[in-house]
Amino acid sequence: MVGIQDIELKQTRFYQDVYGEGRQEGRRQEAQALLLRLLGKRFGPLGEEVQLRIAEAGIEQLEAWTDNLLDAPDIVAVFDTN
């Protein structure tokens, strides 16, 4: 009986929305941590402005900045949107 209730709960829109948002937030936190670690390794200690910018960014922006990091000559170029 418990198994049936679990399956029914997992099929509800509410459960899927909550679970999906939690996974998305976890993914964003992982991307933030990775970018902060890589920036620190490459450019040294990070200023408060950089840390705040990363904390407020969405997953797509974080991924773009992580890609930029590969070719950026300096930290300013990582955040360049051109």
PDB file of N, CA and C in Angstrom:
ATOM      1  N   MET A   1       0.811  -1.191   0.000  1.00  0.00           N
ATOM      2  CA  MET A   1       0.000   0.000   0.000  1.00  0.00           C
ATOM      3  C   MET A   1       0.861   1.263   0.000  1.00  0.00           C
ATOM      4  N   VAL A   2       1.933   1.257   0.773  1.00  0.00           N
ATOM      5  CA  VAL A   2       2.802   2.424   0.823  1.00  0.00           C
ATOM      6  C   VAL A   2       3.439   2.666  -0.541  1.00  0.00           C
ATOM      7  N   GLY A   3       3.829   1.604  -1.232  1.00  0.00           N
ATOM      8  CA  GLY A   3       4.424   1.744  -2.551  1.00  0.00           C
ATOM      9  C   GLY A   3       3.500   2.431  -3.531  1.00  0.00           C
ATOM     10  N   ILE A   4       2.234   2.104  -3.494  1.00  0.00           N
ATOM     11  CA  ILE A   4       1.255   2.734  -4.389  1.00  0.00           C
ATOM     12  C   ILE A   4       1.127   4.218  -4.073  1.00  0.00           C
ATOM     13  N   GLN A   5       1.083   4.561  -2.802  1.00  0.00           N
ATOM     14  CA  GLN A   5       0.978   5.967  -2.417  1.00  0.00           C
ATOM     15  C   GLN A   5       2.213   6.742  -2.855  1.00  0.00           C
ATOM     16  N   ASP A   6       3.390   6.129  -2.722  1.00  0.00           N
ATOM     17  CA  ASP A   6       4.620   6.785  -3.147  1.00  0.00           C
ATOM     18  C   ASP A   6       4.603   7.070  -4.641  1.00  0.00           C
ATOM     19  N   ILE A   7       4.164   6.132  -5.420  1.00  0.00           N
ATOM     20  CA  ILE A   7       4.102   6.309  -6.863  1.00  0.00           C
ATOM     21  C   ILE A   7       3.112   7.411  -7.218  1.00  0.00           C
ATOM     22  N   GLU A   8       1.970   7.401  -6.572  1.00  0.00           N
ATOM     23  CA  GLU A   8       0.972   8.432  -6.853  1.00  0.00           C
ATOM     24  C   GLU A   8       1.490   9.811  -6.485  1.00  0.00           C
ATOM     25  N   LEU A   9       2.163   9.927  -5.356  1.00  0.00           N
ATOM     26  CA  LEU A   9       2.721  11.211  -4.937  1.00  0.00           C
ATOM     27  C   LEU A   9       3.753  11.703  -5.943  1.00  0.00           C
ATOM     28  N   LYS A  10       4.623  10.830  -6.391  1.00  0.00           N
ATOM     29  CA  LYS A  10       5.680  11.216  -7.315  1.00  0.00           C
ATOM     30  C   LYS A  10       5.140  11.636  -8.682  1.00  0.00           C
ATOM     31  N   GLN A  11       3.927  11.258  -8.987  1.00  0.00           N
ATOM     32  CA  GLN A  11       3.339  11.633 -10.269  1.00  0.00           C
ATOM     33  C   GLN A  11       2.583  12.951 -10.208  1.00  0.00           C
ATOM     34  N   THR A  12       2.463  13.528  -9.025  1.00  0.00           N
ATOM     35  CA  THR A  12       1.728  14.793  -8.918  1.00  0.00           C
ATOM     36  C   THR A  12       2.569  15.940  -9.441  1.00  0.00           C
ATOM     37  N   ARG A  13       1.908  16.930  -9.944  1.00  0.00           N
ATOM     38  CA  ARG A  13       2.584  18.125 -10.454  1.00  0.00           C
ATOM     39  C   ARG A  13       3.379  18.819  -9.343  1.00  0.00           C
ATOM     40  N   PHE A  14       2.783  18.887  -8.148  1.00  0.00           N
ATOM     41  CA  PHE A  14       3.450  19.526  -7.015  1.00  0.00           C
ATOM     42  C   PHE A  14       4.788  18.855  -6.726  1.00  0.00           C
ATOM     43  N   TYR A  15       4.790  17.538  -6.613  1.00  0.00           N
ATOM     44  CA  TYR A  15       6.011  16.799  -6.316  1.00  0.00           C
ATOM     45  C   TYR A  15       7.060  17.043  -7.408  1.00  0.00           C
ATOM     46  N   GLN A  16       6.639  16.979  -8.648  1.00  0.00           N
ATOM     47  CA  GLN A  16       7.569  17.161  -9.754  1.00  0.00           C
ATOM     48  C   GLN A  16       8.141  18.571  -9.778  1.00  0.00           C
ATOM     49  N   ASP A  17       7.307  19.561  -9.469  1.00  0.00           N
ATOM     50  CA  ASP A  17       7.793  20.948  -9.429  1.00  0.00           C
ATOM     51  C   ASP A  17       8.795  21.147  -8.304  1.00  0.00           C
ATOM     52  N   VAL A  18       8.451  20.675  -7.115  1.00  0.00           N
ATOM     53  CA  VAL A  18       9.331  20.841  -5.956  1.00  0.00           C
ATOM     54  C   VAL A  18      10.632  20.079  -6.167  1.00  0.00           C
ATOM     55  N   TYR A  19      10.534  18.855  -6.596  1.00  0.00           N
ATOM     56  CA  TYR A  19      11.723  18.035  -6.812  1.00  0.00           C
ATOM     57  C   TYR A  19      12.594  18.629  -7.915  1.00  0.00           C
ATOM     58  N   GLY A  20      11.977  19.073  -8.992  1.00  0.00           N
ATOM     59  CA  GLY A  20      12.717  19.667 -10.107  1.00  0.00           C
ATOM     60  C   GLY A  20      13.424  20.949  -9.706  1.00  0.00           C
ATOM     61  N   GLU A  21      12.752  21.796  -8.936  1.00  0.00           N
ATOM     62  CA  GLU A  21      13.376  23.043  -8.478  1.00  0.00           C
ATOM     63  C   GLU A  21      14.546  22.757  -7.557  1.00  0.00           C
ATOM     64  N   GLY A  22      14.410  21.763  -6.719  1.00  0.00           N
ATOM     65  CA  GLY A  22      15.498  21.392  -5.817  1.00  0.00           C
ATOM     66  C   GLY A  22      16.713  20.901  -6.574  1.00  0.00           C
ATOM     67  N   ARG A  23      16.472  20.112  -7.588  1.00  0.00           N
ATOM     68  CA  ARG A  23      17.578  19.617  -8.417  1.00  0.00           C
ATOM     69  C   ARG A  23      18.248  20.761  -9.161  1.00  0.00           C
ATOM     70  N   GLN A  24      17.447  21.695  -9.687  1.00  0.00           N
ATOM     71  CA  GLN A  24      17.987  22.837 -10.418  1.00  0.00           C
ATOM     72  C   GLN A  24      18.835  23.715  -9.492  1.00  0.00           C
ATOM     73  N   GLU A  25      18.352  23.932  -8.279  1.00  0.00           N
ATOM     74  CA  GLU A  25      19.114  24.742  -7.314  1.00  0.00           C
ATOM     75  C   GLU A  25      20.415  24.040  -6.938  1.00  0.00           C
ATOM     76  N   GLY A  26      20.376  22.739  -6.781  1.00  0.00           N
ATOM     77  CA  GLY A  26      21.588  21.985  -6.492  1.00  0.00           C
ATOM     78  C   GLY A  26      22.590  22.085  -7.625  1.00  0.00           C
ATOM     79  N   ARG A  27      22.100  22.033  -8.831  1.00  0.00           N
ATOM     80  CA  ARG A  27      22.960  22.176 -10.009  1.00  0.00           C
ATOM     81  C   ARG A  27      23.595  23.558 -10.056  1.00  0.00           C
ATOM     82  N   ARG A  28      22.812  24.580  -9.713  1.00  0.00           N
ATOM     83  CA  ARG A  28      23.325  25.952  -9.697  1.00  0.00           C
ATOM     84  C   ARG A  28      24.411  26.109  -8.627  1.00  0.00           C
ATOM     85  N   GLN A  29      24.187  25.530  -7.466  1.00  0.00           N
ATOM     86  CA  GLN A  29      25.179  25.611  -6.396  1.00  0.00           C
ATOM     87  C   GLN A  29      26.478  24.913  -6.783  1.00  0.00           C
ATOM     88  N   GLU A  30      26.371  23.784  -7.451  1.00  0.00           N
ATOM     89  CA  GLU A  30      27.566  23.074  -7.919  1.00  0.00           C
ATOM     90  C   GLU A  30      28.323  23.909  -8.952  1.00  0.00           C
ATOM     91  N   ALA A  31      27.590  24.548  -9.863  1.00  0.00           N
ATOM     92  CA  ALA A  31      28.226  25.393 -10.877  1.00  0.00           C
ATOM     93  C   ALA A  31      28.917  26.589 -10.225  1.00  0.00           C
ATOM     94  N   GLN A  32      28.288  27.171  -9.207  1.00  0.00           N
ATOM     95  CA  GLN A  32      28.903  28.284  -8.483  1.00  0.00           C
ATOM     96  C   GLN A  32      30.204  27.841  -7.819  1.00  0.00           C
ATOM     97  N   ALA A  33      30.153  26.716  -7.128  1.00  0.00           N
ATOM     98  CA  ALA A  33      31.330  26.211  -6.423  1.00  0.00           C
ATOM     99  C   ALA A  33      32.469  25.917  -7.395  1.00  0.00           C
ATOM    100  N   LEU A  34      32.137  25.307  -8.520  1.00  0.00           N
ATOM    101  CA  LEU A  34      33.158  24.989  -9.516  1.00  0.00           C
ATOM    102  C   LEU A  34      33.797  26.259 -10.068  1.00  0.00           C
ATOM    103  N   LEU A  35      32.966  27.228 -10.446  1.00  0.00           N
ATOM    104  CA  LEU A  35      33.498  28.471 -11.010  1.00  0.00           C
ATOM    105  C   LEU A  35      34.363  29.205  -9.994  1.00  0.00           C
ATOM    106  N   LEU A  36      33.920  29.294  -8.762  1.00  0.00           N
ATOM    107  CA  LEU A  36      34.718  29.956  -7.723  1.00  0.00           C
ATOM    108  C   LEU A  36      36.064  29.263  -7.532  1.00  0.00           C
ATOM    109  N   ARG A  37      36.048  27.936  -7.499  1.00  0.00           N
ATOM    110  CA  ARG A  37      37.292  27.187  -7.320  1.00  0.00           C
ATOM    111  C   ARG A  37      38.252  27.401  -8.485  1.00  0.00           C
ATOM    112  N   LEU A  38      37.729  27.325  -9.694  1.00  0.00           N
ATOM    113  CA  LEU A  38      38.584  27.482 -10.865  1.00  0.00           C
ATOM    114  C   LEU A  38      39.130  28.906 -10.988  1.00  0.00           C
ATOM    115  N   LEU A  39      38.278  29.889 -10.730  1.00  0.00           N
ATOM    116  CA  LEU A  39      38.742  31.280 -10.772  1.00  0.00           C
ATOM    117  C   LEU A  39      39.831  31.526  -9.736  1.00  0.00           C
ATOM    118  N   GLY A  40      39.638  31.004  -8.540  1.00  0.00           N
ATOM    119  CA  GLY A  40      40.638  31.166  -7.487  1.00  0.00           C
ATOM    120  C   GLY A  40      41.955  30.507  -7.843  1.00  0.00           C
ATOM    121  N   LYS A  41      41.886  29.337  -8.446  1.00  0.00           N
ATOM    122  CA  LYS A  41      43.116  28.641  -8.861  1.00  0.00           C
ATOM    123  C   LYS A  41      43.855  29.416  -9.952  1.00  0.00           C
ATOM    124  N   ARG A  42      43.094  29.976 -10.875  1.00  0.00           N
ATOM    125  CA  ARG A  42      43.716  30.632 -12.023  1.00  0.00           C
ATOM    126  C   ARG A  42      44.154  32.065 -11.744  1.00  0.00           C
ATOM    127  N   PHE A  43      43.320  32.818 -11.005  1.00  0.00           N
ATOM    128  CA  PHE A  43      43.580  34.250 -10.837  1.00  0.00           C
ATOM    129  C   PHE A  43      43.880  34.658  -9.399  1.00  0.00           C
ATOM    130  N   GLY A  44      43.878  33.730  -8.472  1.00  0.00           N
ATOM    131  CA  GLY A  44      44.168  34.067  -7.078  1.00  0.00           C
ATOM    132  C   GLY A  44      42.907  34.459  -6.326  1.00  0.00           C
ATOM    133  N   PRO A  45      43.079  35.042  -5.135  1.00  0.00           N
ATOM    134  CA  PRO A  45      41.935  35.405  -4.297  1.00  0.00           C
ATOM    135  C   PRO A  45      40.930  36.279  -5.048  1.00  0.00           C
ATOM    136  N   LEU A  46      39.653  35.983  -4.835  1.00  0.00           N
ATOM    137  CA  LEU A  46      38.587  36.685  -5.540  1.00  0.00           C
ATOM    138  C   LEU A  46      38.008  37.781  -4.668  1.00  0.00           C
ATOM    139  N   GLY A  47      37.719  38.908  -5.291  1.00  0.00           N
ATOM    140  CA  GLY A  47      37.115  40.017  -4.581  1.00  0.00           C
ATOM    141  C   GLY A  47      35.653  39.764  -4.268  1.00  0.00           C
ATOM    142  N   GLU A  48      35.141  40.572  -3.370  1.00  0.00           N
ATOM    143  CA  GLU A  48      33.745  40.440  -2.947  1.00  0.00           C
ATOM    144  C   GLU A  48      32.781  40.657  -4.115  1.00  0.00           C
ATOM    145  N   GLU A  49      33.104  41.572  -5.011  1.00  0.00           N
ATOM    146  CA  GLU A  49      32.236  41.852  -6.161  1.00  0.00           C
ATOM    147  C   GLU A  49      32.091  40.624  -7.061  1.00  0.00           C
ATOM    148  N   VAL A  50      33.185  39.934  -7.305  1.00  0.00           N
ATOM    149  CA  VAL A  50      33.155  38.721  -8.133  1.00  0.00           C
ATOM    150  C   VAL A  50      32.327  37.642  -7.442  1.00  0.00           C
ATOM    151  N   GLN A  51      32.539  37.457  -6.156  1.00  0.00           N
ATOM    152  CA  GLN A  51      31.799  36.447  -5.415  1.00  0.00           C
ATOM    153  C   GLN A  51      30.299  36.739  -5.411  1.00  0.00           C
ATOM    154  N   LEU A  52      29.940  37.994  -5.245  1.00  0.00           N
ATOM    155  CA  LEU A  52      28.533  38.381  -5.252  1.00  0.00           C
ATOM    156  C   LEU A  52      27.912  38.166  -6.629  1.00  0.00           C
ATOM    157  N   ARG A  53      28.647  38.511  -7.660  1.00  0.00           N
ATOM    158  CA  ARG A  53      28.144  38.329  -9.033  1.00  0.00           C
ATOM    159  C   ARG A  53      27.857  36.853  -9.310  1.00  0.00           C
ATOM    160  N   ILE A  54      28.735  36.001  -8.868  1.00  0.00           N
ATOM    161  CA  ILE A  54      28.553  34.562  -9.053  1.00  0.00           C
ATOM    162  C   ILE A  54      27.377  34.049  -8.216  1.00  0.00           C
ATOM    163  N   ALA A  55      27.238  34.549  -7.003  1.00  0.00           N
ATOM    164  CA  ALA A  55      26.148  34.124  -6.126  1.00  0.00           C
ATOM    165  C   ALA A  55      24.778  34.476  -6.699  1.00  0.00           C
ATOM    166  N   GLU A  56      24.681  35.540  -7.463  1.00  0.00           N
ATOM    167  CA  GLU A  56      23.405  35.996  -8.003  1.00  0.00           C
ATOM    168  C   GLU A  56      23.094  35.455  -9.394  1.00  0.00           C
ATOM    169  N   ALA A  57      24.051  34.778 -10.020  1.00  0.00           N
ATOM    170  CA  ALA A  57      23.896  34.330 -11.405  1.00  0.00           C
ATOM    171  C   ALA A  57      23.066  33.056 -11.516  1.00  0.00           C
ATOM    172  N   GLY A  58      22.403  32.921 -12.653  1.00  0.00           N
ATOM    173  CA  GLY A  58      21.671  31.707 -12.981  1.00  0.00           C
ATOM    174  C   GLY A  58      22.593  30.666 -13.590  1.00  0.00           C
ATOM    175  N   ILE A  59      22.078  29.477 -13.757  1.00  0.00           N
ATOM    176  CA  ILE A  59      22.885  28.356 -14.231  1.00  0.00           C
ATOM    177  C   ILE A  59      23.463  28.598 -15.627  1.00  0.00           C
ATOM    178  N   GLU A  60      22.671  29.177 -16.519  1.00  0.00           N
ATOM    179  CA  GLU A  60      23.167  29.412 -17.884  1.00  0.00           C
ATOM    180  C   GLU A  60      24.333  30.386 -17.886  1.00  0.00           C
ATOM    181  N   GLN A  61      24.227  31.441 -17.070  1.00  0.00           N
ATOM    182  CA  GLN A  61      25.302  32.432 -16.988  1.00  0.00           C
ATOM    183  C   GLN A  61      26.548  31.815 -16.371  1.00  0.00           C
ATOM    184  N   LEU A  62      26.379  31.027 -15.338  1.00  0.00           N
ATOM    185  CA  LEU A  62      27.514  30.369 -14.692  1.00  0.00           C
ATOM    186  C   LEU A  62      28.244  29.446 -15.671  1.00  0.00           C
ATOM    187  N   GLU A  63      27.486  28.720 -16.459  1.00  0.00           N
ATOM    188  CA  GLU A  63      28.099  27.831 -17.450  1.00  0.00           C
ATOM    189  C   GLU A  63      28.843  28.620 -18.518  1.00  0.00           C
ATOM    190  N   ALA A  64      28.286  29.737 -18.941  1.00  0.00           N
ATOM    191  CA  ALA A  64      28.956  30.572 -19.944  1.00  0.00           C
ATOM    192  C   ALA A  64      30.262  31.126 -19.385  1.00  0.00           C
ATOM    193  N   TRP A  65      30.241  31.590 -18.146  1.00  0.00           N
ATOM    194  CA  TRP A  65      31.466  32.118 -17.532  1.00  0.00           C
ATOM    195  C   TRP A  65      32.511  31.028 -17.355  1.00  0.00           C
ATOM    196  N   THR A  66      32.077  29.823 -17.031  1.00  0.00           N
ATOM    197  CA  THR A  66      33.016  28.708 -16.882  1.00  0.00           C
ATOM    198  C   THR A  66      33.664  28.404 -18.228  1.00  0.00           C
ATOM    199  N   ASP A  67      32.880  28.462 -19.305  1.00  0.00           N
ATOM    200  CA  ASP A  67      33.446  28.276 -20.646  1.00  0.00           C
ATOM    201  C   ASP A  67      34.432  29.392 -20.970  1.00  0.00           C
ATOM    202  N   ASN A  68      34.085  30.629 -20.636  1.00  0.00           N
ATOM    203  CA  ASN A  68      34.976  31.777 -20.902  1.00  0.00           C
ATOM    204  C   ASN A  68      36.307  31.635 -20.181  1.00  0.00           C
ATOM    205  N   LEU A  69      36.276  31.017 -19.023  1.00  0.00           N
ATOM    206  CA  LEU A  69      37.472  30.869 -18.206  1.00  0.00           C
ATOM    207  C   LEU A  69      38.596  30.167 -18.957  1.00  0.00           C
ATOM    208  N   LEU A  70      38.245  29.289 -19.866  1.00  0.00           N
ATOM    209  CA  LEU A  70      39.259  28.522 -20.593  1.00  0.00           C
ATOM    210  C   LEU A  70      40.171  29.393 -21.442  1.00  0.00           C
ATOM    211  N   ASP A  71      39.625  30.462 -22.007  1.00  0.00           N
ATOM    212  CA  ASP A  71      40.405  31.301 -22.915  1.00  0.00           C
ATOM    213  C   ASP A  71      40.690  32.700 -22.383  1.00  0.00           C
ATOM    214  N   ALA A  72      40.167  33.051 -21.249  1.00  0.00           N
ATOM    215  CA  ALA A  72      40.278  34.419 -20.736  1.00  0.00           C
ATOM    216  C   ALA A  72      41.706  34.733 -20.293  1.00  0.00           C
ATOM    217  N   PRO A  73      42.252  35.855 -20.773  1.00  0.00           N
ATOM    218  CA  PRO A  73      43.595  36.250 -20.342  1.00  0.00           C
ATOM    219  C   PRO A  73      43.606  36.835 -18.928  1.00  0.00           C
ATOM    220  N   ASP A  74      42.452  37.329 -18.475  1.00  0.00           N
ATOM    221  CA  ASP A  74      42.343  37.879 -17.124  1.00  0.00           C
ATOM    222  C   ASP A  74      40.913  37.677 -16.621  1.00  0.00           C
ATOM    223  N   ILE A  75      40.687  37.976 -15.358  1.00  0.00           N
ATOM    224  CA  ILE A  75      39.387  37.717 -14.755  1.00  0.00           C
ATOM    225  C   ILE A  75      38.287  38.582 -15.357  1.00  0.00           C
ATOM    226  N   VAL A  76      38.619  39.772 -15.811  1.00  0.00           N
ATOM    227  CA  VAL A  76      37.620  40.651 -16.429  1.00  0.00           C
ATOM    228  C   VAL A  76      37.056  39.996 -17.685  1.00  0.00           C
ATOM    229  N   ALA A  77      37.901  39.346 -18.459  1.00  0.00           N
ATOM    230  CA  ALA A  77      37.475  38.698 -19.700  1.00  0.00           C
ATOM    231  C   ALA A  77      36.529  37.515 -19.430  1.00  0.00           C
ATOM    232  N   VAL A  78      36.607  36.915 -18.271  1.00  0.00           N
ATOM    233  CA  VAL A  78      35.694  35.809 -17.939  1.00  0.00           C
ATOM    234  C   VAL A  78      34.267  36.298 -17.964  1.00  0.00           C
ATOM    235  N   PHE A  79      34.038  37.506 -17.466  1.00  0.00           N
ATOM    236  CA  PHE A  79      32.686  38.043 -17.342  1.00  0.00           C
ATOM    237  C   PHE A  79      32.267  38.895 -18.539  1.00  0.00           C
ATOM    238  N   ASP A  80      33.137  38.991 -19.543  1.00  0.00           N
ATOM    239  CA  ASP A  80      32.831  39.757 -20.748  1.00  0.00           C
ATOM    240  C   ASP A  80      31.715  39.059 -21.530  1.00  0.00           C
ATOM    241  N   THR A  81      30.659  39.794 -21.854  1.00  0.00           N
ATOM    242  CA  THR A  81      29.503  39.210 -22.550  1.00  0.00           C
ATOM    243  C   THR A  81      29.586  39.353 -24.058  1.00  0.00           C
ATOM    244  N   ASN A  82      30.626  39.936 -24.570  1.00  0.00           N
ATOM    245  CA  ASN A  82      30.748  40.124 -26.038  1.00  0.00           C
ATOM    246  C   ASN A  82      31.162  38.861 -26.722  1.00  0.00           C
TER     247      ASN A  82
END
